[in-house]
Amino acid sequence: MKQKDIALILVIVVFSGVVSFIVSGAVFAPAKDRQQNVEVVDPITANFTDPDDTYFNSNAVDPTQLIQIGTSTNPTPFNGTTQ
C-alpha cells in the first residue's frame, strides 16, 4: 500500500468514528432518561396459611391412588385371549 492509501484509510476511520459517536448519542437515550419506577415485591416467607377446606379436605378423593376395576389378573388384556 502506498502512504496516501494509509492516510486516506485513517481519515475515513476517524470520520466514521465521529459520525458513529454523534448518531449513537442521538439514537440511544441518555442515562437520565433510562430511569424507571418499578413495583416493590414483598419478600417470600416460609409461613403459609391453611388451604380452604372446601377444596382440600381429608375426605376428598385422592387422584394419585391406583384404581383397579374388576378382579382380572390378565397381564395382556388387549391381545384378545382370556385366562
N, C-alpha and C. Protein backbone atom coordinates (compact mmCIF):
# COMPACT_ATOMS: atom_id res chain seq x y z
N MET A 1 0.84 -1.17 0.00
CA MET A 1 0.00 0.00 0.00
C MET A 1 0.89 1.24 0.00
N LYS A 2 0.37 2.23 -0.59
CA LYS A 2 1.12 3.48 -0.62
C LYS A 2 0.79 4.31 0.61
N GLN A 3 1.61 5.28 0.87
CA GLN A 3 1.43 6.15 2.04
C GLN A 3 0.11 6.94 1.93
N LYS A 4 -0.28 7.30 0.72
CA LYS A 4 -1.52 8.04 0.53
C LYS A 4 -2.73 7.16 0.86
N ASP A 5 -2.63 5.86 0.56
CA ASP A 5 -3.73 4.95 0.87
C ASP A 5 -3.91 4.81 2.38
N ILE A 6 -2.83 4.70 3.12
CA ILE A 6 -2.90 4.57 4.57
C ILE A 6 -3.48 5.84 5.18
N ALA A 7 -3.07 7.00 4.69
CA ALA A 7 -3.60 8.26 5.20
C ALA A 7 -5.09 8.37 4.90
N LEU A 8 -5.53 7.96 3.73
CA LEU A 8 -6.94 8.00 3.37
C LEU A 8 -7.75 7.06 4.25
N ILE A 9 -7.24 5.88 4.52
CA ILE A 9 -7.93 4.92 5.39
C ILE A 9 -8.05 5.49 6.80
N LEU A 10 -7.01 6.10 7.33
CA LEU A 10 -7.06 6.70 8.66
C LEU A 10 -8.08 7.83 8.73
N VAL A 11 -8.16 8.65 7.69
CA VAL A 11 -9.13 9.74 7.66
C VAL A 11 -10.55 9.17 7.65
N ILE A 12 -10.78 8.14 6.88
CA ILE A 12 -12.11 7.51 6.82
C ILE A 12 -12.48 6.89 8.16
N VAL A 13 -11.53 6.24 8.83
CA VAL A 13 -11.79 5.63 10.13
C VAL A 13 -12.14 6.69 11.17
N VAL A 14 -11.38 7.78 11.20
CA VAL A 14 -11.65 8.85 12.17
C VAL A 14 -13.00 9.49 11.88
N PHE A 15 -13.28 9.76 10.62
CA PHE A 15 -14.55 10.38 10.24
C PHE A 15 -15.73 9.47 10.60
N SER A 16 -15.62 8.18 10.30
CA SER A 16 -16.72 7.27 10.61
C SER A 16 -16.89 7.10 12.13
N GLY A 17 -15.80 7.17 12.87
CA GLY A 17 -15.90 7.12 14.33
C GLY A 17 -16.64 8.31 14.91
N VAL A 18 -16.33 9.50 14.40
CA VAL A 18 -17.00 10.71 14.87
C VAL A 18 -18.48 10.68 14.50
N VAL A 19 -18.79 10.28 13.29
CA VAL A 19 -20.19 10.20 12.85
C VAL A 19 -20.93 9.15 13.67
N SER A 20 -20.32 8.02 13.95
CA SER A 20 -20.96 6.98 14.75
C SER A 20 -21.24 7.48 16.17
N PHE A 21 -20.31 8.21 16.74
CA PHE A 21 -20.50 8.75 18.10
C PHE A 21 -21.67 9.72 18.13
N ILE A 22 -21.77 10.59 17.14
CA ILE A 22 -22.85 11.57 17.09
C ILE A 22 -24.20 10.88 16.87
N VAL A 23 -24.25 9.94 15.96
CA VAL A 23 -25.51 9.23 15.67
C VAL A 23 -25.94 8.39 16.86
N SER A 24 -25.01 7.73 17.52
CA SER A 24 -25.38 6.91 18.68
C SER A 24 -25.89 7.78 19.82
N GLY A 25 -25.36 8.97 19.99
CA GLY A 25 -25.86 9.89 21.00
C GLY A 25 -27.28 10.35 20.70
N ALA A 26 -27.62 10.44 19.42
CA ALA A 26 -28.97 10.86 19.05
C ALA A 26 -29.96 9.70 19.12
N VAL A 27 -29.51 8.50 18.83
CA VAL A 27 -30.40 7.35 18.79
C VAL A 27 -30.67 6.79 20.18
N PHE A 28 -29.64 6.57 20.96
CA PHE A 28 -29.79 5.97 22.29
C PHE A 28 -30.10 7.05 23.31
N ALA A 29 -30.98 6.71 24.24
CA ALA A 29 -31.40 7.67 25.27
C ALA A 29 -30.27 7.86 26.28
N PRO A 30 -30.12 9.08 26.78
CA PRO A 30 -29.11 9.30 27.82
C PRO A 30 -29.51 8.60 29.13
N ALA A 31 -28.57 8.49 30.05
CA ALA A 31 -28.79 7.74 31.29
C ALA A 31 -29.93 8.31 32.13
N LYS A 32 -30.12 9.62 32.12
CA LYS A 32 -31.18 10.21 32.94
C LYS A 32 -32.56 9.86 32.40
N ASP A 33 -32.69 9.57 31.10
CA ASP A 33 -33.97 9.20 30.52
C ASP A 33 -34.26 7.70 30.64
N ARG A 34 -33.29 6.91 31.06
CA ARG A 34 -33.49 5.47 31.18
C ARG A 34 -33.95 5.05 32.56
N GLN A 35 -34.22 5.97 33.45
CA GLN A 35 -34.69 5.64 34.80
C GLN A 35 -36.17 5.31 34.74
N GLN A 36 -36.57 4.27 35.51
CA GLN A 36 -37.96 3.86 35.51
C GLN A 36 -38.34 3.38 36.89
N ASN A 37 -39.55 3.71 37.32
CA ASN A 37 -40.04 3.25 38.61
C ASN A 37 -40.66 1.87 38.46
N VAL A 38 -40.41 1.01 39.43
CA VAL A 38 -40.95 -0.35 39.40
C VAL A 38 -41.66 -0.65 40.71
N GLU A 39 -42.49 -1.69 40.69
CA GLU A 39 -43.19 -2.11 41.89
C GLU A 39 -42.22 -2.79 42.85
N VAL A 40 -42.48 -2.63 44.12
CA VAL A 40 -41.68 -3.31 45.14
C VAL A 40 -42.41 -4.60 45.50
N VAL A 41 -41.71 -5.71 45.46
CA VAL A 41 -42.29 -7.01 45.72
C VAL A 41 -42.05 -7.39 47.17
N ASP A 42 -43.08 -7.95 47.81
CA ASP A 42 -42.93 -8.41 49.19
C ASP A 42 -41.99 -9.61 49.23
N PRO A 43 -41.17 -9.73 50.28
CA PRO A 43 -40.27 -10.88 50.36
C PRO A 43 -41.05 -12.17 50.59
N ILE A 44 -40.49 -13.27 50.11
CA ILE A 44 -41.11 -14.58 50.28
C ILE A 44 -40.77 -15.11 51.66
N THR A 45 -41.79 -15.63 52.35
CA THR A 45 -41.58 -16.20 53.68
C THR A 45 -41.94 -17.68 53.66
N ALA A 46 -41.55 -18.40 54.69
CA ALA A 46 -41.84 -19.82 54.80
C ALA A 46 -43.17 -20.07 55.49
N ASN A 47 -43.89 -19.05 55.86
CA ASN A 47 -45.17 -19.21 56.55
C ASN A 47 -46.30 -19.23 55.53
N PHE A 48 -47.10 -20.31 55.58
CA PHE A 48 -48.24 -20.45 54.68
C PHE A 48 -49.51 -20.56 55.50
N THR A 49 -50.58 -20.04 54.95
CA THR A 49 -51.87 -20.20 55.60
C THR A 49 -52.45 -21.55 55.22
N ASP A 50 -53.37 -22.07 56.04
CA ASP A 50 -54.01 -23.34 55.72
C ASP A 50 -54.91 -23.17 54.50
N PRO A 51 -54.94 -24.18 53.62
CA PRO A 51 -55.80 -24.06 52.43
C PRO A 51 -57.27 -24.13 52.81
N ASP A 52 -58.11 -23.72 51.91
CA ASP A 52 -59.55 -23.70 52.12
C ASP A 52 -60.07 -25.13 52.25
N ASP A 53 -60.87 -25.40 53.27
CA ASP A 53 -61.40 -26.75 53.50
C ASP A 53 -62.41 -27.16 52.44
N THR A 54 -62.92 -26.24 51.67
CA THR A 54 -63.86 -26.59 50.61
C THR A 54 -63.17 -27.44 49.55
N TYR A 55 -61.93 -27.16 49.26
CA TYR A 55 -61.20 -27.86 48.21
C TYR A 55 -60.21 -28.88 48.76
N PHE A 56 -59.64 -28.62 49.90
CA PHE A 56 -58.63 -29.50 50.47
C PHE A 56 -59.16 -30.05 51.80
N ASN A 57 -59.78 -31.21 51.74
CA ASN A 57 -60.26 -31.82 52.98
C ASN A 57 -59.81 -33.27 53.06
N SER A 58 -59.93 -33.86 54.21
CA SER A 58 -59.43 -35.22 54.42
C SER A 58 -60.32 -36.27 53.78
N ASN A 59 -61.55 -35.95 53.40
CA ASN A 59 -62.47 -36.91 52.80
C ASN A 59 -62.47 -36.84 51.27
N ALA A 60 -61.64 -36.03 50.69
CA ALA A 60 -61.63 -35.87 49.23
C ALA A 60 -61.01 -37.09 48.57
N VAL A 61 -61.32 -37.28 47.29
CA VAL A 61 -60.77 -38.38 46.51
C VAL A 61 -59.30 -38.06 46.21
N ASP A 62 -58.44 -39.06 46.41
CA ASP A 62 -57.01 -38.88 46.14
C ASP A 62 -56.73 -39.35 44.71
N PRO A 63 -56.48 -38.43 43.76
CA PRO A 63 -56.29 -38.84 42.36
C PRO A 63 -54.96 -39.54 42.11
N THR A 64 -54.10 -39.62 43.09
CA THR A 64 -52.81 -40.29 42.87
C THR A 64 -52.87 -41.77 43.19
N GLN A 65 -53.99 -42.26 43.71
CA GLN A 65 -54.12 -43.68 44.05
C GLN A 65 -54.42 -44.50 42.81
N LEU A 66 -53.87 -45.72 42.74
CA LEU A 66 -54.11 -46.64 41.64
C LEU A 66 -55.53 -47.18 41.75
N ILE A 67 -56.26 -47.12 40.66
CA ILE A 67 -57.64 -47.60 40.64
C ILE A 67 -57.69 -48.86 39.78
N GLN A 68 -58.19 -49.96 40.35
CA GLN A 68 -58.32 -51.20 39.61
C GLN A 68 -59.80 -51.52 39.50
N ILE A 69 -60.26 -51.72 38.27
CA ILE A 69 -61.66 -52.04 38.02
C ILE A 69 -61.75 -53.54 37.78
N GLY A 70 -62.49 -54.25 38.60
CA GLY A 70 -62.65 -55.69 38.46
C GLY A 70 -61.50 -56.45 39.09
N THR A 71 -61.53 -57.78 38.91
CA THR A 71 -60.50 -58.62 39.52
C THR A 71 -59.69 -59.38 38.49
N SER A 72 -59.59 -58.88 37.29
CA SER A 72 -58.86 -59.56 36.22
C SER A 72 -57.37 -59.58 36.52
N THR A 73 -56.76 -60.75 36.31
CA THR A 73 -55.31 -60.89 36.50
C THR A 73 -54.61 -61.08 35.17
N ASN A 74 -55.30 -60.83 34.06
CA ASN A 74 -54.73 -60.99 32.73
C ASN A 74 -53.67 -59.91 32.51
N PRO A 75 -52.38 -60.28 32.29
CA PRO A 75 -51.34 -59.27 32.10
C PRO A 75 -51.39 -58.62 30.72
N THR A 76 -52.05 -59.23 29.75
CA THR A 76 -52.17 -58.66 28.40
C THR A 76 -53.65 -58.60 28.03
N PRO A 77 -54.36 -57.60 28.49
CA PRO A 77 -55.81 -57.58 28.27
C PRO A 77 -56.22 -57.21 26.84
N PHE A 78 -55.33 -56.73 26.02
CA PHE A 78 -55.73 -56.25 24.70
C PHE A 78 -55.33 -57.18 23.55
N ASN A 79 -54.89 -58.41 23.87
CA ASN A 79 -54.49 -59.28 22.77
C ASN A 79 -55.59 -60.23 22.34
N GLY A 80 -56.78 -60.20 22.96
CA GLY A 80 -57.92 -60.97 22.52
C GLY A 80 -58.05 -62.33 23.18
N THR A 81 -57.09 -62.72 24.00
CA THR A 81 -57.21 -64.00 24.69
C THR A 81 -57.61 -63.77 26.13
N THR A 82 -58.25 -64.78 26.70
CA THR A 82 -58.65 -64.67 28.12
C THR A 82 -57.99 -65.77 28.90
N GLN A 83 -57.84 -65.58 30.15
CA GLN A 83 -57.23 -66.58 31.01
C GLN A 83 -58.21 -67.05 32.05
